[in-house]
Protein backbone atom coordinates (compact mmCIF):
# COMPACT_ATOMS: atom_id res chain seq x y z
CA MET A 1 134.54 -121.46 -36.46
CA HIS A 2 135.05 -122.83 -33.04
CA ALA A 3 135.08 -120.37 -29.66
CA GLU A 4 138.94 -121.61 -29.23
CA ASN A 5 139.91 -120.51 -32.37
CA ARG A 6 139.19 -117.06 -32.22
CA LEU A 7 141.49 -114.79 -31.19
CA SER A 8 140.08 -111.83 -28.63
CA PRO A 9 142.03 -108.11 -29.40
CA ALA A 10 143.48 -108.25 -25.89
CA ARG A 11 145.02 -111.47 -26.75
CA GLY A 12 145.93 -110.68 -30.44
CA ARG A 13 147.71 -107.70 -28.64
CA LEU A 14 149.55 -110.29 -26.37
CA LEU A 15 151.09 -112.15 -29.25
CA LEU A 16 152.12 -109.18 -30.98
CA SER A 17 153.80 -107.81 -27.98
CA GLY A 18 155.46 -111.24 -27.45
CA THR A 19 156.66 -111.29 -31.02
CA ALA A 20 158.18 -107.72 -30.56
CA LEU A 21 159.89 -108.90 -27.66
CA ALA A 22 161.49 -111.76 -28.88
CA LEU A 23 162.41 -109.59 -32.09
CA ALA A 24 164.05 -107.27 -29.96
CA LEU A 25 165.99 -110.16 -27.91
CA ALA A 26 166.93 -111.82 -31.29
CA LEU A 27 168.73 -108.35 -32.37
CA GLY A 28 170.35 -107.26 -29.29
CA HIS A 29 168.26 -104.74 -28.40
CA ALA A 30 166.63 -104.86 -24.87
CA PRO A 31 163.93 -102.84 -24.02
CA ALA A 32 164.01 -100.20 -21.85
CA ILE A 33 161.70 -100.70 -18.28
CA ALA A 34 160.83 -98.49 -15.97
CA GLN A 35 162.27 -99.42 -12.93
CA PRO A 36 160.35 -98.20 -9.91
CA ARG A 37 162.35 -96.04 -7.43
CA GLU A 38 162.58 -97.20 -4.06
CA LEU A 39 161.59 -94.73 -1.29
CA PRO A 40 164.92 -93.36 0.72
CA ASP A 41 165.76 -95.59 3.80
CA PHE A 42 166.65 -92.98 6.78
CA SER A 43 167.96 -95.72 8.89
CA GLU A 44 171.21 -95.31 8.75
CA LEU A 45 171.12 -91.91 8.55
CA VAL A 46 169.72 -91.88 11.69
CA GLU A 47 172.43 -93.94 13.52
CA ARG A 48 174.60 -91.15 12.17
CA VAL A 49 173.03 -88.71 13.14
CA GLY A 50 170.61 -89.41 16.18
CA PRO A 51 173.69 -89.23 19.03
CA ALA A 52 174.30 -85.46 18.23
CA VAL A 53 170.73 -84.38 18.83
CA VAL A 54 169.94 -83.51 22.24
CA ASN A 55 166.58 -83.06 23.95
CA ILE A 56 166.55 -79.64 25.73
CA ARG A 57 164.48 -78.47 28.81
CA THR A 58 164.40 -75.37 30.07
CA ALA A 59 162.43 -73.82 33.30
CA GLU A 60 161.50 -70.12 34.29
CA LYS A 61 160.24 -69.22 37.43
CA VAL A 62 157.15 -66.68 36.98
CA LYS A 63 155.12 -64.59 39.28
CA LEU A 64 151.80 -65.70 40.62
CA ALA A 65 150.15 -62.95 38.54
CA ASP A 66 151.63 -65.12 35.06
CA THR A 67 150.07 -67.98 36.19
CA GLN A 68 146.44 -66.73 36.52
CA GLY A 69 143.80 -67.53 33.69
CA GLY A 70 145.93 -70.25 32.56
CA MET A 71 144.35 -73.53 30.29
CA ASP A 72 141.72 -74.77 31.18
CA GLU A 73 141.00 -78.21 33.15
CA GLN A 74 140.36 -80.20 29.91
CA MET A 75 143.42 -79.08 28.37
CA GLN A 76 145.48 -79.85 30.98
CA GLU A 77 144.24 -83.82 31.23
CA PHE A 78 145.22 -83.79 27.55
CA PHE A 79 148.73 -82.76 28.86
CA ARG A 80 149.04 -85.11 31.19
CA ARG A 81 147.46 -88.04 29.23
CA PHE A 82 150.17 -87.77 26.66
CA GLY A 83 153.37 -86.92 29.27
CA ILE A 84 153.62 -83.43 28.11
CA PRO A 85 154.83 -81.00 30.75
CA VAL A 86 152.16 -78.38 31.71
CA PRO A 87 153.23 -74.83 31.71
CA ASN A 88 152.28 -72.36 34.29
CA GLN A 89 151.86 -75.17 37.00
CA ARG A 90 153.59 -75.77 40.10
CA ARG A 91 156.21 -78.29 40.49
CA GLY A 92 154.69 -81.26 41.27
CA THR A 93 156.47 -84.62 43.49
CA PRO A 94 159.46 -85.62 41.24
CA ARG A 95 159.61 -89.34 39.90
CA GLY A 96 161.21 -91.08 42.52
CA GLY A 97 159.14 -89.86 45.51
CA ALA A 98 161.07 -86.75 46.66
CA THR A 99 159.88 -83.41 48.33
CA PRO A 100 158.38 -81.26 45.76
CA ASP A 101 159.59 -77.82 45.67
CA ASP A 102 158.39 -74.99 47.44
CA ASP A 103 159.87 -72.39 45.17
CA GLY A 104 156.70 -71.05 43.58
CA PRO A 105 155.03 -71.84 40.31
CA THR A 106 157.46 -72.60 36.99
CA ARG A 107 157.11 -72.45 33.28
CA ARG A 108 158.20 -75.55 31.57
CA GLY A 109 159.09 -76.03 28.24
CA VAL A 110 160.79 -78.40 26.00
CA GLY A 111 162.87 -78.49 22.54
CA SER A 112 165.57 -79.66 20.83
CA GLY A 113 169.00 -79.12 19.66
CA PHE A 114 172.21 -80.20 18.40
CA ILE A 115 176.14 -80.45 19.15
CA LEU A 116 178.11 -78.33 17.05
CA SER A 117 181.72 -79.26 18.92
CA ALA A 118 182.87 -82.07 20.79
CA ASP A 119 183.51 -79.78 23.54
CA GLY A 120 179.62 -79.01 24.03
CA TYR A 121 178.67 -76.21 22.24
CA VAL A 122 174.80 -76.83 20.87
CA LEU A 123 172.98 -74.86 18.69
CA THR A 124 168.97 -74.63 19.30
CA ASN A 125 166.54 -71.85 18.70
CA ALA A 126 166.74 -68.53 20.55
CA HIS A 127 162.44 -69.03 21.42
CA VAL A 128 163.74 -72.66 22.92
CA VAL A 129 165.70 -70.97 25.66
CA GLN A 130 164.19 -67.46 25.83
CA GLY A 131 163.94 -66.53 29.39
CA ALA A 132 164.97 -69.61 30.46
CA ASP A 133 166.69 -69.48 34.55
CA GLU A 134 167.65 -73.45 33.82
CA VAL A 135 168.63 -75.19 30.94
CA ILE A 136 169.00 -79.11 31.03
CA VAL A 137 170.42 -80.95 27.58
CA THR A 138 170.04 -84.50 27.70
CA LEU A 139 171.83 -86.63 25.37
CA THR A 140 171.02 -89.64 23.66
CA ASP A 141 172.73 -92.13 26.53
CA LYS A 142 170.63 -90.44 28.77
CA ARG A 143 172.67 -88.17 30.37
CA GLU A 144 171.24 -84.93 31.58
CA LEU A 145 173.89 -81.89 31.87
CA LYS A 146 173.18 -78.34 32.47
CA ALA A 147 173.62 -75.67 30.33
CA LYS A 148 174.91 -72.26 30.03
CA ILE A 149 173.10 -70.08 27.60
CA ILE A 150 176.05 -68.07 25.35
CA GLY A 151 174.09 -65.95 23.73
CA ALA A 152 170.31 -66.14 21.88
CA ASP A 153 169.46 -63.83 18.78
CA GLN A 154 165.86 -62.89 18.65
CA ARG A 155 165.92 -61.84 14.65
CA SER A 156 167.33 -64.91 13.51
CA ASP A 157 165.73 -67.07 16.32
CA VAL A 158 169.26 -68.58 16.58
CA ALA A 159 170.80 -69.33 20.25
CA VAL A 160 173.93 -71.45 21.63
CA VAL A 161 174.00 -73.20 24.83
CA LYS A 162 177.20 -74.81 26.22
CA VAL A 163 177.21 -77.99 28.78
CA GLU A 164 180.52 -79.25 30.52
CA ALA A 165 181.70 -82.51 28.24
CA THR A 166 184.03 -83.40 26.17
CA GLY A 167 184.50 -85.92 23.60
CA LEU A 168 180.86 -85.44 22.22
CA PRO A 169 179.23 -86.59 19.07
CA VAL A 170 178.87 -83.71 16.42
CA VAL A 171 176.57 -83.26 13.11
CA LYS A 172 178.15 -82.83 9.99
CA VAL A 173 177.27 -79.15 8.72
CA GLY A 174 176.40 -78.84 4.71
CA ASP A 175 175.42 -76.58 2.30
CA SER A 176 172.40 -75.32 2.86
CA SER A 177 172.39 -73.23 -0.31
CA LYS A 178 172.88 -76.23 -2.89
CA ALA A 179 169.50 -77.99 -1.29
CA LYS A 180 167.25 -78.36 -3.71
CA VAL A 181 163.54 -78.21 -3.80
CA GLY A 182 161.74 -81.76 -3.80
CA GLU A 183 165.18 -83.60 -2.46
CA TRP A 184 164.13 -85.62 0.70
CA VAL A 185 165.13 -84.60 4.24
CA MET A 186 164.73 -85.78 7.75
CA ALA A 187 164.16 -84.35 10.69
CA ILE A 188 165.18 -85.43 14.73
CA GLY A 189 163.65 -83.86 17.55
CA SER A 190 161.78 -84.16 20.86
CA PRO A 191 157.83 -83.39 19.57
CA PHE A 192 155.38 -82.63 22.47
CA GLY A 193 158.60 -83.91 24.72
CA LEU A 194 159.06 -87.47 22.64
CA GLU A 195 162.47 -87.31 22.41
CA ASN A 196 164.47 -88.59 19.33
CA THR A 197 161.48 -88.76 16.84
CA VAL A 198 162.07 -89.19 13.51
CA THR A 199 160.36 -87.43 10.99
CA ALA A 200 160.96 -87.28 6.65
CA GLY A 201 159.61 -85.51 3.69
CA ILE A 202 160.55 -82.92 1.01
CA ILE A 203 161.95 -79.78 0.48
CA SER A 204 158.80 -77.63 -0.22
CA ALA A 205 160.52 -74.31 -0.98
CA LYS A 206 163.34 -72.14 -0.78
CA GLN A 207 164.23 -68.53 0.26
CA ARG A 208 160.37 -67.76 2.17
CA ASP A 209 160.25 -64.69 3.07
CA THR A 210 158.81 -65.36 6.50
CA GLY A 211 161.49 -64.36 9.26
CA ASP A 212 162.44 -61.08 9.91
CA LEU A 213 166.02 -61.33 7.97
CA LEU A 214 166.59 -64.88 7.01
CA PRO A 215 165.07 -66.55 4.17
CA LEU A 216 163.61 -69.85 5.55
CA ILE A 217 163.48 -73.49 4.01
CA GLN A 218 160.01 -74.45 3.55
CA THR A 219 159.30 -78.21 4.02
CA ASP A 220 156.61 -80.85 4.52
CA VAL A 221 158.35 -82.66 7.34
CA ALA A 222 156.01 -83.46 9.94
CA ILE A 223 157.35 -80.76 13.01
CA ASN A 224 155.11 -79.85 16.16
CA PRO A 225 156.07 -77.97 19.04
CA GLY A 226 159.23 -79.66 20.40
CA ASN A 227 160.90 -79.85 17.40
CA SER A 228 162.22 -76.40 17.79
CA GLY A 229 166.16 -76.23 17.35
CA GLY A 230 166.36 -79.67 15.90
CA PRO A 231 168.31 -80.30 12.70
CA LEU A 232 166.80 -80.93 9.34
CA VAL A 233 169.02 -83.32 7.40
CA ASN A 234 170.25 -83.89 4.04
CA MET A 235 170.50 -87.65 2.62
CA ARG A 236 174.06 -87.30 2.98
CA GLY A 237 173.53 -86.94 6.76
CA GLU A 238 174.21 -83.38 6.51
CA VAL A 239 172.55 -80.32 8.50
CA ILE A 240 171.36 -77.97 6.31
CA GLY A 241 168.80 -76.39 8.63
CA ILE A 242 167.48 -75.44 11.82
CA ASN A 243 163.71 -76.59 12.42
CA SER A 244 162.29 -73.67 13.72
CA GLN A 245 158.66 -72.22 12.68
CA ILE A 246 155.54 -74.37 11.87
CA TYR A 247 152.21 -72.72 9.94
CA SER A 248 149.21 -74.26 11.56
CA GLN A 249 145.84 -73.11 12.64
CA SER A 250 145.39 -75.77 15.24
CA GLY A 251 148.88 -75.59 17.09
CA GLY A 252 150.24 -78.94 15.48
CA TYR A 253 151.47 -80.28 11.92
CA MET A 254 149.37 -79.13 8.82
CA GLY A 255 152.34 -79.91 6.22
CA ILE A 256 154.08 -76.64 6.38
CA ALA A 257 157.11 -75.89 7.95
CA PHE A 258 160.20 -73.89 7.95
CA ALA A 259 163.85 -74.30 8.58
CA ILE A 260 166.49 -71.61 9.55
CA PRO A 261 169.45 -72.35 6.50
CA ILE A 262 172.82 -73.36 8.50
CA ALA A 263 174.62 -71.24 6.14
CA ASP A 264 173.06 -68.26 8.29
CA ALA A 265 172.70 -69.86 11.68
CA VAL A 266 176.73 -70.97 11.92
CA ARG A 267 177.46 -67.07 11.20
CA VAL A 268 175.24 -66.49 13.93
CA ALA A 269 176.42 -68.53 16.08
CA ASP A 270 180.09 -68.11 15.92
CA GLU A 271 179.60 -64.06 16.70
CA LEU A 272 177.56 -65.14 19.57
CA ARG A 273 180.29 -67.48 20.95
CA ALA A 274 182.91 -64.35 19.98
CA GLY A 275 180.96 -62.05 21.68
CA GLY A 276 177.51 -63.18 23.17
CA ARG A 277 175.56 -60.94 20.61
CA VAL A 278 175.14 -60.55 16.78
CA VAL A 279 176.43 -57.36 15.71
CA ARG A 280 174.55 -55.73 12.27
CA GLY A 281 174.47 -52.66 9.96
CA TYR A 282 172.29 -50.03 10.54
CA LEU A 283 171.42 -47.87 7.13
CA GLY A 284 168.02 -45.53 8.47
CA VAL A 285 165.54 -46.19 5.95
CA LEU A 286 162.23 -47.60 5.79
CA PRO A 287 161.71 -49.58 2.30
CA ASP A 288 158.84 -51.00 0.75
CA ASP A 289 158.40 -52.96 -2.29
CA ILE A 290 157.95 -51.43 -5.62
CA THR A 291 155.21 -52.37 -7.52
CA LYS A 292 155.12 -52.91 -11.39
CA GLU A 293 152.59 -49.91 -11.95
CA ILE A 294 155.27 -47.25 -10.21
CA ALA A 295 158.31 -48.85 -12.01
CA GLU A 296 156.90 -48.49 -15.43
CA ALA A 297 155.66 -44.94 -13.99
CA ILE A 298 158.80 -43.51 -12.56
CA GLY A 299 160.75 -45.24 -15.82
CA LEU A 300 162.49 -47.81 -14.05
CA GLY A 301 161.34 -50.52 -16.18
CA LYS A 302 161.62 -53.65 -14.31
CA ALA A 303 159.58 -53.64 -11.07
CA GLN A 304 162.87 -54.45 -9.01
CA GLY A 305 164.41 -52.79 -6.05
CA ALA A 306 163.45 -51.12 -2.40
CA VAL A 307 161.70 -47.92 -2.33
CA ILE A 308 162.81 -45.35 0.38
CA ARG A 309 159.44 -44.61 1.86
CA SER A 310 161.10 -42.61 4.81
CA VAL A 311 164.56 -41.75 6.00
CA VAL A 312 165.31 -41.56 9.99
CA ALA A 313 166.82 -38.11 11.10
CA GLY A 314 170.89 -38.48 11.66
CA SER A 315 170.64 -41.82 10.27
CA PRO A 316 173.66 -42.96 7.97
CA ALA A 317 171.30 -42.59 5.04
CA GLU A 318 170.40 -39.26 5.93
CA LYS A 319 173.99 -38.20 6.19
CA ALA A 320 174.70 -39.76 2.43
CA GLY A 321 172.10 -38.00 1.10
CA VAL A 322 169.57 -40.89 0.68
CA GLU A 323 166.08 -39.40 -0.01
CA GLY A 324 162.91 -40.45 0.44
CA GLY A 325 161.46 -41.79 -2.79
CA ASP A 326 165.15 -43.13 -3.58
CA VAL A 327 164.83 -47.03 -5.50
CA VAL A 328 167.74 -48.98 -3.95
CA THR A 329 168.61 -51.78 -6.95
CA LYS A 330 172.06 -52.75 -5.32
CA VAL A 331 174.40 -53.11 -2.54
CA ASP A 332 178.09 -53.10 -3.40
CA GLY A 333 176.78 -54.67 -6.62
CA LYS A 334 174.49 -57.24 -5.38
CA THR A 335 170.65 -56.80 -6.72
CA VAL A 336 168.29 -55.36 -4.54
CA ASP A 337 164.77 -57.15 -5.65
CA LYS A 338 162.67 -56.84 -2.82
CA ALA A 339 162.74 -54.51 0.60
CA ALA A 340 163.83 -57.60 2.47
CA ASP A 341 167.13 -57.89 0.38
CA LEU A 342 167.87 -54.23 1.35
CA ARG A 343 167.09 -55.06 4.80
CA ARG A 344 169.24 -58.29 4.77
CA LEU A 345 172.03 -56.76 2.67
CA VAL A 346 172.90 -53.99 4.64
CA ALA A 347 172.42 -56.38 8.11
CA ALA A 348 175.49 -58.20 6.99
CA VAL A 349 177.67 -55.22 7.05
CA LYS A 350 180.17 -54.35 9.80
CA PRO A 351 178.99 -51.24 11.35
CA GLY A 352 181.64 -48.52 10.48
CA ALA A 353 181.99 -50.25 6.79
CA LYS A 354 181.49 -47.75 3.86
CA THR A 355 179.06 -49.34 1.70
CA THR A 356 178.29 -48.61 -2.12
CA LEU A 357 174.15 -48.05 -2.60
CA THR A 358 173.21 -48.01 -6.32
CA VAL A 359 169.65 -45.95 -6.40
CA PHE A 360 167.29 -45.17 -9.29
CA ARG A 361 166.24 -41.21 -8.27
CA ARG A 362 164.35 -38.89 -10.86
CA GLY A 363 165.22 -40.83 -14.22
CA VAL A 364 168.57 -41.28 -13.24
CA THR A 365 170.91 -44.47 -11.55
CA LYS A 366 173.51 -43.08 -9.38
CA ASP A 367 175.65 -44.47 -6.43
CA ILE A 368 175.64 -43.55 -3.34
CA VAL A 369 178.66 -44.15 -0.59
CA VAL A 370 177.15 -44.48 2.94
CA THR A 371 179.22 -45.62 6.37
CA ILE A 372 176.84 -48.12 7.90
CA GLY A 373 176.35 -47.87 11.30
CA GLU A 374 175.59 -50.01 14.38
CA ASP A 375 171.76 -51.65 14.35
CA GLU A 376 170.38 -51.44 17.69
CA ARG A 377 166.97 -52.52 18.51
CA SER A 378 166.07 -50.16 21.00
CA LYS A 379 166.15 -47.28 18.50
CA LYS A 380 162.50 -46.57 17.10
CA VAL A 381 161.93 -45.22 13.59
CA GLY A 382 158.66 -43.63 15.13
CA ALA A 383 156.58 -42.06 12.67
CA ALA A 384 158.55 -44.13 9.82
CA ALA A 385 157.10 -47.00 11.15
CA GLU A 386 153.45 -46.63 10.52
CA GLU A 387 152.47 -47.38 6.97
CA PRO A 388 151.18 -44.29 4.47
CA GLU A 389 147.93 -44.76 3.26
CA GLN A 390 148.27 -46.11 -0.22
CA ALA A 391 147.08 -43.74 -2.87
CA PRO A 392 144.15 -44.49 -4.91
CA ALA A 393 143.93 -44.21 -8.84
CA ALA A 394 143.20 -40.99 -10.07
CA ALA A 395 140.82 -39.48 -12.05
CA PRO A 396 141.77 -38.61 -15.60
CA SER A 397 141.95 -34.81 -15.20
CA ALA A 398 144.30 -31.86 -16.03
CA ALA A 399 142.89 -29.72 -13.29
CA LEU A 400 144.62 -31.50 -10.77
CA GLY A 401 143.09 -29.26 -8.13
CA LEU A 402 146.09 -28.37 -6.48
CA LYS A 403 147.26 -25.07 -4.78
CA VAL A 404 150.58 -24.99 -3.82
CA SER A 405 153.11 -22.10 -1.80
CA ASP A 406 156.62 -22.22 -1.78
CA LEU A 407 158.68 -23.26 1.33
CA THR A 408 160.40 -20.65 3.31
CA ASP A 409 164.06 -20.66 3.92
CA ALA A 410 163.15 -21.49 7.37
CA GLN A 411 160.96 -24.62 6.92
CA ARG A 412 163.73 -25.89 4.28
CA LYS A 413 166.09 -26.15 6.79
CA GLU A 414 163.53 -27.49 9.91
CA LEU A 415 162.42 -29.98 7.33
CA LYS A 416 165.85 -30.66 5.64
CA LEU A 417 164.56 -30.25 2.01
CA LYS A 418 166.68 -28.73 -0.65
CA SER A 419 163.55 -28.55 -2.79
CA GLY A 420 159.88 -28.71 -2.59
CA VAL A 421 156.23 -27.42 -2.57
CA LYS A 422 153.62 -27.41 -0.13
CA VAL A 423 150.42 -28.19 -0.73
CA ASP A 424 148.33 -25.64 0.80
CA SER A 425 144.69 -27.29 -0.38
CA ALA A 426 143.46 -30.22 -2.20
CA THR A 427 140.16 -31.14 -4.00
CA GLY A 428 139.08 -32.65 -7.16
CA ALA A 429 141.50 -34.90 -8.97
CA ALA A 430 144.21 -34.36 -6.43
CA ALA A 431 142.08 -34.82 -3.53
CA ARG A 432 140.83 -38.20 -4.70
CA ALA A 433 144.44 -39.65 -5.99
CA GLY A 434 145.38 -39.05 -2.25
CA LEU A 435 146.88 -35.47 -1.63
CA ARG A 436 146.34 -33.74 1.02
CA GLU A 437 146.58 -30.44 2.80
CA GLY A 438 150.50 -29.90 3.95
CA ASP A 439 152.08 -32.76 1.57
CA LEU A 440 155.22 -31.51 0.10
CA ILE A 441 155.30 -32.70 -3.59
CA LEU A 442 159.25 -33.41 -3.67
CA SER A 443 159.32 -34.18 -7.52
CA LEU A 444 157.15 -34.17 -10.80
CA ASP A 445 157.82 -36.77 -13.69
CA ASN A 446 161.28 -36.91 -12.18
CA ALA A 447 162.66 -33.73 -12.34
CA GLU A 448 163.09 -32.16 -9.12
CA VAL A 449 160.53 -29.69 -7.55
CA ALA A 450 162.47 -26.22 -6.47
CA SER A 451 159.51 -24.01 -6.85
CA VAL A 452 155.64 -23.05 -7.21
CA LYS A 453 156.88 -21.61 -10.69
CA ALA A 454 159.21 -24.45 -11.77
CA PHE A 455 156.30 -26.98 -10.40
CA GLN A 456 153.83 -24.64 -12.92
CA ALA A 457 156.32 -25.54 -15.84
CA LEU A 458 156.69 -29.02 -15.59
CA LEU A 459 152.83 -29.06 -15.60
CA ALA A 460 152.47 -27.20 -18.51
CA LYS A 461 155.11 -29.42 -20.39
CA ALA A 462 153.02 -32.90 -19.28
CA ASP A 463 152.33 -35.28 -21.58
CA LYS A 464 148.13 -34.87 -21.20
CA ASN A 465 148.28 -39.09 -22.29
CA LYS A 466 150.85 -39.80 -19.93
CA THR A 467 150.46 -40.75 -16.51
CA LEU A 468 152.15 -38.61 -13.69
CA ASN A 469 154.33 -39.68 -11.31
CA LEU A 470 154.72 -37.42 -8.03
CA VAL A 471 156.97 -38.00 -4.90
CA VAL A 472 155.00 -37.03 -1.96
CA ARG A 473 156.29 -36.26 1.62
CA ARG A 474 153.80 -36.36 4.08
CA GLU A 475 155.22 -35.88 7.58
CA ASP A 476 158.22 -38.41 7.84
CA VAL A 477 156.56 -40.72 5.02
CA THR A 478 157.66 -40.55 1.63
CA SER A 479 155.32 -42.20 -1.34
CA PHE A 480 154.72 -42.09 -4.95
CA ILE A 481 151.34 -41.07 -6.24
CA LEU A 482 150.36 -41.20 -9.91
CA LEU A 483 148.08 -38.97 -11.89
CA LYS A 484 146.96 -39.68 -15.35
CA PRO A 485 145.95 -35.93 -16.70
CA THR A 486 143.38 -35.70 -20.06
CA ALA A 487 143.30 -32.89 -22.20
CA LYS A 488 139.95 -31.38 -20.60
CA PRO A 489 139.74 -29.92 -17.06
């Protein structure tokens, strides 16, 4: 047989495929052919959104002592080579040969922003304008306008500045809650002072707890110093966030950036425009996340809620009867999954308003009505801000190694406690579990400890094969301590 008459396996498959295609076409069935999806074209978005994005330059006069020990000469040369403003330097000769300023050293900064209203309100980051003595906004048409800081909120990192102009181009505000992980987004800003720089990427995650109060949008858009305050834009040309933070070990882009959701930013901006500051609700507690082990031990089941580690004296929480060891599961019916949720939900409540906290206390769920106060950053929680030591795992032992005593009426009044017993000494299993002399045991297995007699009775009835949970107060901090007794001492 001649070689040309032999079919190779590959050629045979090709012929069969061609036959199948012809048959499908003859029967009127067009085969499904995967069409490659084109990468998005951002040029139209840039034309639409770009005119409303601004460059923000700031200047802050600094004391001579603040300029000592600045960056080395090599780093200064790097900044000069790429035209980046050098911080902590005296002002040099301006362009055009004008006379240099002689009013001392000035710290300069650069950032971005975008125009919210045609009459000149601009949204940016608080850290862009913080401490600035002068703010200059440069529009895309090269106009430079002096701006007034209307308000800046450090906790949300949102600021509003105002320029005197009319008929300005504005951005379209979108709905950040509808943003989806994986969708394309674009950023416009001034990284390293390079104005009108456009970068793009996708949303990597939502609800990242990297901020004090606001859950942030994570993206892989190239964001660098100077992009701060610029808009994060979706494919519909809507602003869904303010580029605010980067994760970096080098100071530059590493593929992880964070943006403030625009819904939260606009809410803060409205308050800043109305009163120059943001008013937040205050509860007066130190919340913490609850672990799966603790949740199971106290009968809560699911590790959901914020456990109260401490209650500030004289706070709205104390006045309403919130106690250390309470687990807050809802605020006005809204679910609290973790401590950050409690802080955010309370902060959103108007001071003076009544709020219902749903708490889990000693095996029972109850509602507590609290009149929310006003959060003032000057207030300190003192000892409540210190992290208590975590209790190590208890060694199995029915003999807890505890010596306890009743509290006097004077001690209860001073400590503002209705019940509890004082630990006079802790050895053996109790000491290894983390109990110390001076600790106050408030409850055992969700049962209130009213006296030494009651405490001993509860221990006597305890299941020797079940983990015990103790609510213990040490100074101003309340914690859970877990013990697993055994049948033998």
